[in-house]
Amino acid sequence: MHCKRLNISIEEWEQRTKDLSDRTVFQSAAWLSFLVETQHGEPIFAALCDGERAVGYFCGMLVRKFGVWILGSPMPGWTTAYMGFNMLESVSRQEATQALRRFAFEELRCAHLEMMDRRLVLEDVNSMECRSRQFRGFEIDLTQDEDELMRNMSGPCRTNIRKALRCGLQIRECSDAGFADQYHAQLEDVFAKRGLVPTYSKARVQAMIQHLSAKQKVLPLQAIDLDGRCIASMISVGENDTAFLWGSASWRQFQHFRPNELLIWSSIRHWKARGMHKFDMGGGGEYKRKYGGYEISVPWLRVSRYVGLESARAVAVRIIKAQQHLRGLSKNRKPGREQERSIPAA
């Protein structure tokens, strides 16, 4: 089994894979264009071949970090979930991953490879010479009717949704230019609670919405209170049978109205109506259990061509986290910060 590079454009990739049932939104042309703009990499497309027969496809992106070439599908920090392969169910993902490793190191001359494939399991990774961490989260079965979805939520969660409605909160879809401004301001408030700053910029939010809106793959929602203020925001994305929670934020002073639970419920109803079968809650967090989903765990594998790169990667991660903490301390000590967080009417 081997990977054969496809010298095609993002648009040609879209046409070739648009009918594949296992393709995620993160493998779509819209998302890949977003990654090119924000990560400044080169899209890589390949056919997975068993002998001369194509049995699947792979997509990722080639980036240069710390002086070395890396193939990511995806990489941490890209605000991107499952990529990896699209292929026949009968094909061994372990063999496919070994073929990808050879492709990355021998043909692309990369020094490092990272991949998170939704259908890869821990047993596949354990038999390979690589490292991995488990990307844990929750997934909600949207094939249930709405009454059943509501019953599966915890009692306090259902109570909070009803409270938000009693408080007069309205949920609206908003894709205008001001959405990213309000979302990111609320996100800064969320991170400030822990003395940090957001891990991505407002420009990234704007770019993602711009690339996905035209294809109706993104749902930007706002919770509006009785005074017309946007007090919380949520972004979810979706394609084929799965939707994903991409990000959420709210002003701390209004969280007692429980806007986040109502936003989640509204997102679930929207994507269910669109025919989605699953709603991925976008990673871990014990608070997400209350929404009635089942636990998932997906290995995010990484393998380096050279000894020492793994240690260098770990040091880089620690440096990035320390820089985020220092920026948070600096920003949240600025005088007049509370005035900067005044909330305008939506």
Protein backbone atom coordinates (compact mmCIF):
# COMPACT_ATOMS: atom_id res chain seq x y z
CA MET A 1 0.00 0.00 0.00
CA HIS A 2 1.33 3.45 -0.89
CA CYS A 3 0.30 7.09 -1.25
CA LYS A 4 0.43 8.68 -4.68
CA ARG A 5 0.53 12.47 -4.70
CA LEU A 6 -2.22 14.18 -6.65
CA ASN A 7 -1.12 17.44 -8.28
CA ILE A 8 -4.57 19.00 -8.24
CA SER A 9 -6.07 22.26 -7.04
CA ILE A 10 -8.32 22.69 -4.03
CA GLU A 11 -11.28 23.05 -6.40
CA GLU A 12 -10.39 19.81 -8.19
CA TRP A 13 -10.07 18.07 -4.80
CA GLU A 14 -13.58 19.27 -3.96
CA GLN A 15 -15.02 17.79 -7.13
CA ARG A 16 -13.20 14.49 -6.63
CA THR A 17 -14.30 13.97 -3.01
CA LYS A 18 -17.60 15.86 -2.61
CA ASP A 19 -19.70 12.67 -2.75
CA LEU A 20 -17.65 10.70 -0.20
CA SER A 21 -19.88 10.00 2.78
CA ASP A 22 -17.02 10.00 5.30
CA ARG A 23 -15.64 13.41 4.34
CA THR A 24 -15.69 15.94 7.17
CA VAL A 25 -16.11 19.69 6.83
CA PHE A 26 -12.40 19.97 7.70
CA GLN A 27 -11.54 18.15 4.46
CA SER A 28 -13.68 20.42 2.28
CA ALA A 29 -12.36 23.01 -0.17
CA ALA A 30 -13.83 25.80 1.93
CA TRP A 31 -11.96 24.70 5.05
CA LEU A 32 -8.70 24.02 3.20
CA SER A 33 -8.87 27.53 1.72
CA PHE A 34 -9.34 28.88 5.24
CA LEU A 35 -6.25 26.96 6.39
CA VAL A 36 -4.17 28.26 3.49
CA GLU A 37 -5.08 31.84 4.45
CA THR A 38 -4.48 31.45 8.18
CA GLN A 39 -1.65 28.88 8.34
CA HIS A 40 0.18 29.83 5.14
CA GLY A 41 0.80 26.25 4.08
CA GLU A 42 0.57 24.16 0.92
CA PRO A 43 -2.35 21.72 0.58
CA ILE A 44 -1.27 18.13 0.00
CA PHE A 45 -3.56 15.63 -1.70
CA ALA A 46 -2.84 11.95 -2.25
CA ALA A 47 -4.55 8.80 -3.45
CA LEU A 48 -4.11 5.74 -1.23
CA CYS A 49 -3.33 2.84 -3.51
CA ASP A 50 -3.30 -0.90 -2.90
CA GLY A 51 -1.11 -1.94 -5.79
CA GLU A 52 -2.55 -0.08 -8.76
CA ARG A 53 -6.05 0.27 -7.28
CA ALA A 54 -7.04 3.48 -5.50
CA VAL A 55 -8.80 2.60 -2.24
CA GLY A 56 -8.94 6.03 -0.62
CA TYR A 57 -7.70 9.58 -0.39
CA PHE A 58 -5.72 11.76 2.01
CA CYS A 59 -5.52 15.50 2.51
CA GLY A 60 -3.31 17.62 4.72
CA MET A 61 -1.10 20.67 4.59
CA LEU A 62 2.63 21.19 4.39
CA VAL A 63 3.98 23.91 6.69
CA ARG A 64 7.42 25.04 7.78
CA LYS A 65 7.88 25.51 11.53
CA PHE A 66 11.09 26.04 13.48
CA GLY A 67 13.10 25.43 10.31
CA VAL A 68 11.63 22.01 9.45
CA TRP A 69 8.89 20.82 7.09
CA ILE A 70 5.83 19.31 8.75
CA LEU A 71 2.86 17.50 7.24
CA GLY A 72 -0.22 18.16 9.35
CA SER A 73 -3.65 16.64 9.00
CA PRO A 74 -4.28 18.65 11.13
CA MET A 75 -1.75 20.28 13.47
CA PRO A 76 -2.53 21.57 16.98
CA GLY A 77 -3.34 25.25 16.87
CA TRP A 78 -5.18 25.10 13.54
CA THR A 79 -8.60 25.10 15.26
CA THR A 80 -9.32 22.10 13.06
CA ALA A 81 -10.58 18.64 14.00
CA TYR A 82 -10.57 15.36 12.08
CA MET A 83 -8.84 15.17 8.71
CA GLY A 84 -6.74 12.17 7.66
CA PHE A 85 -8.16 9.62 5.21
CA ASN A 86 -11.33 9.00 3.24
CA MET A 87 -11.36 5.36 2.21
CA LEU A 88 -13.20 2.09 1.94
CA GLU A 89 -14.22 0.51 5.25
CA SER A 90 -12.37 -2.71 4.40
CA VAL A 91 -9.00 -0.97 4.14
CA SER A 92 -6.67 -1.23 7.13
CA ARG A 93 -6.09 2.19 8.62
CA GLN A 94 -2.92 0.91 10.22
CA GLU A 95 -1.49 0.01 6.80
CA ALA A 96 -2.76 3.29 5.38
CA THR A 97 -1.02 5.25 8.13
CA GLN A 98 2.23 3.39 7.53
CA ALA A 99 1.94 4.29 3.85
CA LEU A 100 1.35 7.93 4.79
CA ARG A 101 4.44 7.90 7.00
CA ARG A 102 6.59 6.72 4.10
CA PHE A 103 4.98 9.32 1.83
CA ALA A 104 5.66 12.15 4.30
CA PHE A 105 9.27 11.24 5.03
CA GLU A 106 10.48 9.81 1.70
CA GLU A 107 8.57 11.72 -0.99
CA LEU A 108 7.74 15.02 0.75
CA ARG A 109 10.99 14.98 2.77
CA CYS A 110 9.18 16.09 5.92
CA ALA A 111 10.76 15.90 9.35
CA HIS A 112 7.50 15.49 11.25
CA LEU A 113 3.97 14.16 10.67
CA GLU A 114 0.79 14.69 12.70
CA MET A 115 -2.67 13.28 11.94
CA MET A 116 -6.05 12.89 13.58
CA ASP A 117 -8.44 10.61 11.69
CA ARG A 118 -11.90 10.07 13.23
CA ARG A 119 -11.89 6.37 12.30
CA LEU A 120 -8.40 5.63 13.56
CA VAL A 121 -8.42 3.66 16.82
CA LEU A 122 -5.87 3.29 19.59
CA GLU A 123 -5.09 -0.32 18.61
CA ASP A 124 -3.91 0.91 15.19
CA VAL A 125 -1.55 3.43 16.78
CA ASN A 126 -0.17 1.09 19.46
CA SER A 127 1.32 -1.21 16.86
CA MET A 128 3.22 1.65 15.18
CA GLU A 129 6.44 3.42 16.10
CA CYS A 130 4.83 6.74 16.93
CA ARG A 131 3.48 8.83 19.78
CA SER A 132 -0.10 9.91 20.29
CA ARG A 133 -2.45 11.61 22.68
CA GLN A 134 -6.12 10.88 23.05
CA PHE A 135 -8.42 13.64 21.82
CA ARG A 136 -11.45 13.11 24.03
CA GLY A 137 -14.90 14.54 23.69
CA PHE A 138 -18.61 13.91 23.38
CA GLU A 139 -20.84 13.20 20.40
CA ILE A 140 -24.63 13.53 20.31
CA ASP A 141 -26.80 11.18 18.22
CA LEU A 142 -29.03 13.46 16.15
CA THR A 143 -31.08 10.62 14.68
CA GLN A 144 -33.21 10.75 17.85
CA ASP A 145 -36.29 12.96 17.88
CA GLU A 146 -36.15 16.28 19.72
CA ASP A 147 -38.07 15.02 22.75
CA GLU A 148 -35.58 12.20 23.21
CA LEU A 149 -32.62 14.55 22.74
CA MET A 150 -34.02 16.77 25.47
CA ARG A 151 -34.69 13.83 27.80
CA ASN A 152 -31.09 12.65 27.44
CA MET A 153 -29.79 15.93 28.82
CA SER A 154 -29.25 16.24 32.55
CA GLY A 155 -32.07 17.73 34.63
CA PRO A 156 -30.13 20.94 35.44
CA CYS A 157 -29.31 21.39 31.75
CA ARG A 158 -32.98 21.20 30.76
CA THR A 159 -33.80 23.61 33.59
CA ASN A 160 -31.20 26.08 32.33
CA ILE A 161 -32.60 25.98 28.79
CA ARG A 162 -36.08 26.74 30.15
CA LYS A 163 -34.64 29.52 32.33
CA ALA A 164 -32.99 31.17 29.32
CA LEU A 165 -36.33 31.12 27.51
CA ARG A 166 -38.18 32.55 30.54
CA CYS A 167 -35.62 35.36 30.70
CA GLY A 168 -36.62 36.30 27.17
CA LEU A 169 -33.38 35.35 25.41
CA GLN A 170 -33.67 35.17 21.65
CA ILE A 171 -31.31 33.17 19.42
CA ARG A 172 -30.50 34.60 16.04
CA GLU A 173 -28.21 33.63 13.20
CA CYS A 174 -25.75 36.41 12.43
CA SER A 175 -23.12 36.36 9.69
CA ASP A 176 -22.47 40.09 9.28
CA ALA A 177 -19.06 41.68 9.84
CA GLY A 178 -19.87 42.58 13.44
CA PHE A 179 -20.31 38.98 14.57
CA ALA A 180 -16.57 38.28 14.81
CA ASP A 181 -16.03 41.50 16.79
CA GLN A 182 -18.57 40.57 19.45
CA TYR A 183 -17.61 36.89 19.55
CA HIS A 184 -13.93 37.63 20.05
CA ALA A 185 -14.58 40.31 22.67
CA GLN A 186 -16.60 37.75 24.64
CA LEU A 187 -13.86 35.17 24.12
CA GLU A 188 -11.32 37.58 25.62
CA ASP A 189 -13.57 37.88 28.66
CA VAL A 190 -13.73 34.08 28.99
CA PHE A 191 -9.94 33.73 28.86
CA ALA A 192 -9.39 36.72 31.16
CA LYS A 193 -11.10 34.74 33.92
CA ARG A 194 -8.08 32.41 33.88
CA GLY A 195 -5.54 35.18 33.33
CA LEU A 196 -5.03 34.21 29.67
CA VAL A 197 -5.68 35.56 26.18
CA PRO A 198 -7.45 33.69 23.34
CA THR A 199 -5.38 31.19 21.39
CA TYR A 200 -6.61 32.58 18.05
CA SER A 201 -7.30 36.03 16.66
CA LYS A 202 -10.44 37.80 15.57
CA ALA A 203 -9.06 37.70 12.03
CA ARG A 204 -9.17 33.91 12.12
CA VAL A 205 -12.84 33.95 13.10
CA GLN A 206 -13.58 36.37 10.25
CA ALA A 207 -11.67 34.25 7.74
CA MET A 208 -13.39 31.02 8.76
CA ILE A 209 -16.88 32.51 8.49
CA GLN A 210 -16.04 34.14 5.17
CA HIS A 211 -14.83 30.90 3.59
CA LEU A 212 -17.66 28.70 4.91
CA SER A 213 -20.68 31.02 4.73
CA ALA A 214 -21.06 30.80 0.96
CA LYS A 215 -21.30 26.99 1.18
CA GLN A 216 -23.68 27.08 4.19
CA LYS A 217 -21.21 25.04 6.26
CA VAL A 218 -21.13 27.42 9.26
CA LEU A 219 -23.73 28.49 11.80
CA PRO A 220 -22.88 31.70 13.74
CA LEU A 221 -25.46 32.22 16.52
CA GLN A 222 -25.99 35.00 19.05
CA ALA A 223 -28.03 35.08 22.24
CA ILE A 224 -29.83 38.43 22.54
CA ASP A 225 -31.29 39.67 25.83
CA LEU A 226 -34.41 41.81 26.38
CA ASP A 227 -32.34 45.00 26.07
CA GLY A 228 -31.08 43.98 22.63
CA ARG A 229 -27.57 43.11 23.76
CA CYS A 230 -25.60 40.17 22.42
CA ILE A 231 -24.58 38.39 25.63
CA ALA A 232 -23.21 35.14 24.16
CA SER A 233 -22.11 33.72 20.81
CA MET A 234 -21.54 30.27 19.34
CA ILE A 235 -20.07 28.92 16.11
CA SER A 236 -20.68 25.44 14.74
CA VAL A 237 -19.74 23.94 11.38
CA GLY A 238 -20.94 20.91 9.48
CA GLU A 239 -20.98 18.80 6.35
CA ASN A 240 -22.34 15.40 5.30
CA ASP A 241 -23.60 13.67 8.44
CA THR A 242 -21.64 15.47 11.20
CA ALA A 243 -21.72 18.93 12.75
CA PHE A 244 -19.05 20.26 15.12
CA LEU A 245 -19.07 22.85 17.87
CA TRP A 246 -16.20 25.15 16.85
CA GLY A 247 -16.31 27.78 19.56
CA SER A 248 -18.47 29.54 22.14
CA ALA A 249 -18.10 32.65 24.28
CA SER A 250 -20.18 34.80 26.59
CA TRP A 251 -19.94 37.82 28.88
CA ARG A 252 -19.37 36.60 32.41
CA GLN A 253 -21.79 39.11 33.92
CA PHE A 254 -24.72 37.60 31.98
CA GLN A 255 -23.96 33.90 32.37
CA HIS A 256 -26.66 33.57 35.03
CA PHE A 257 -29.21 33.84 32.19
CA ARG A 258 -27.79 30.51 30.90
CA PRO A 259 -27.34 31.59 27.26
CA ASN A 260 -24.80 28.87 26.44
CA GLU A 261 -27.21 25.98 27.07
CA LEU A 262 -29.83 27.62 24.85
CA LEU A 263 -27.24 28.22 22.11
CA ILE A 264 -26.21 24.55 22.18
CA TRP A 265 -29.82 23.42 21.99
CA SER A 266 -30.50 25.79 19.09
CA SER A 267 -27.41 24.50 17.25
CA ILE A 268 -28.49 20.90 17.76
CA ARG A 269 -31.97 21.62 16.38
CA HIS A 270 -30.54 23.48 13.38
CA TRP A 271 -28.15 20.73 12.30
CA LYS A 272 -30.70 17.99 12.95
CA ALA A 273 -33.11 19.82 10.63
CA ARG A 274 -30.32 19.91 8.04
CA GLY A 275 -30.13 16.10 8.14
CA MET A 276 -27.01 15.68 10.26
CA HIS A 277 -26.67 12.41 12.21
CA LYS A 278 -24.09 13.52 14.80
CA PHE A 279 -23.16 16.65 16.71
CA ASP A 280 -19.55 16.61 17.91
CA MET A 281 -19.10 18.80 20.99
CA GLY A 282 -15.60 19.81 19.94
CA GLY A 283 -13.28 18.22 22.46
CA GLY A 284 -13.35 17.47 26.15
CA GLY A 285 -14.69 19.25 29.18
CA GLU A 286 -16.74 17.50 31.86
CA TYR A 287 -19.45 20.18 31.59
CA LYS A 288 -20.29 18.86 28.10
CA ARG A 289 -21.52 15.57 29.53
CA LYS A 290 -24.78 17.22 30.59
CA TYR A 291 -25.92 17.52 26.96
CA GLY A 292 -26.57 13.78 26.72
CA GLY A 293 -23.86 12.69 24.33
CA TYR A 294 -21.65 9.62 24.42
CA GLU A 295 -17.90 9.75 25.05
CA ILE A 296 -15.45 9.44 22.17
CA SER A 297 -11.65 9.15 22.15
CA VAL A 298 -9.60 9.61 18.98
CA PRO A 299 -5.81 9.18 18.83
CA TRP A 300 -3.93 12.22 17.55
CA LEU A 301 -0.73 10.64 16.34
CA ARG A 302 2.64 12.23 15.70
CA VAL A 303 5.89 10.78 14.44
CA SER A 304 9.25 12.44 13.83
CA ARG A 305 11.87 11.45 11.32
CA TYR A 306 14.77 12.47 13.54
CA VAL A 307 15.62 11.77 17.17
CA GLY A 308 15.23 14.90 19.25
CA LEU A 309 12.35 16.48 17.35
CA GLU A 310 9.83 15.14 19.85
CA SER A 311 11.68 16.86 22.70
CA ALA A 312 11.93 20.07 20.68
CA ARG A 313 8.20 19.92 20.01
CA ALA A 314 7.44 19.55 23.73
CA VAL A 315 9.63 22.56 24.55
CA ALA A 316 7.90 24.63 21.86
CA VAL A 317 4.48 23.75 23.30
CA ARG A 318 5.58 24.86 26.78
CA ILE A 319 6.98 28.12 25.41
CA ILE A 320 3.75 28.89 23.55
CA LYS A 321 1.68 28.26 26.69
CA ALA A 322 3.98 30.46 28.78
CA GLN A 323 3.76 33.26 26.21
CA GLN A 324 -0.03 33.06 26.26
CA HIS A 325 -0.04 33.31 30.05
CA LEU A 326 2.31 36.32 30.02
CA ARG A 327 0.20 38.10 27.39
CA GLY A 328 -2.84 37.43 29.52
CA LEU A 329 -1.22 38.92 32.60
CA SER A 330 -0.13 41.99 30.67
CA LYS A 331 -3.45 42.58 28.93
CA ASN A 332 -5.66 42.09 31.96
CA ARG A 333 -3.58 44.45 34.09
CA LYS A 334 -4.20 47.38 31.76
CA PRO A 335 -6.09 50.26 33.40
CA GLY A 336 -9.62 50.80 32.19
CA ARG A 337 -10.09 47.18 31.17
CA GLU A 338 -13.64 47.07 32.54
CA GLN A 339 -14.58 50.09 30.45
CA GLU A 340 -13.21 48.37 27.36
CA ARG A 341 -15.64 45.51 28.00
CA SER A 342 -18.78 47.63 27.96
CA ILE A 343 -21.43 45.80 25.98
CA PRO A 344 -23.20 47.62 23.13
CA ALA A 345 -26.67 46.79 21.90
CA ALA A 346 -26.60 44.23 19.11
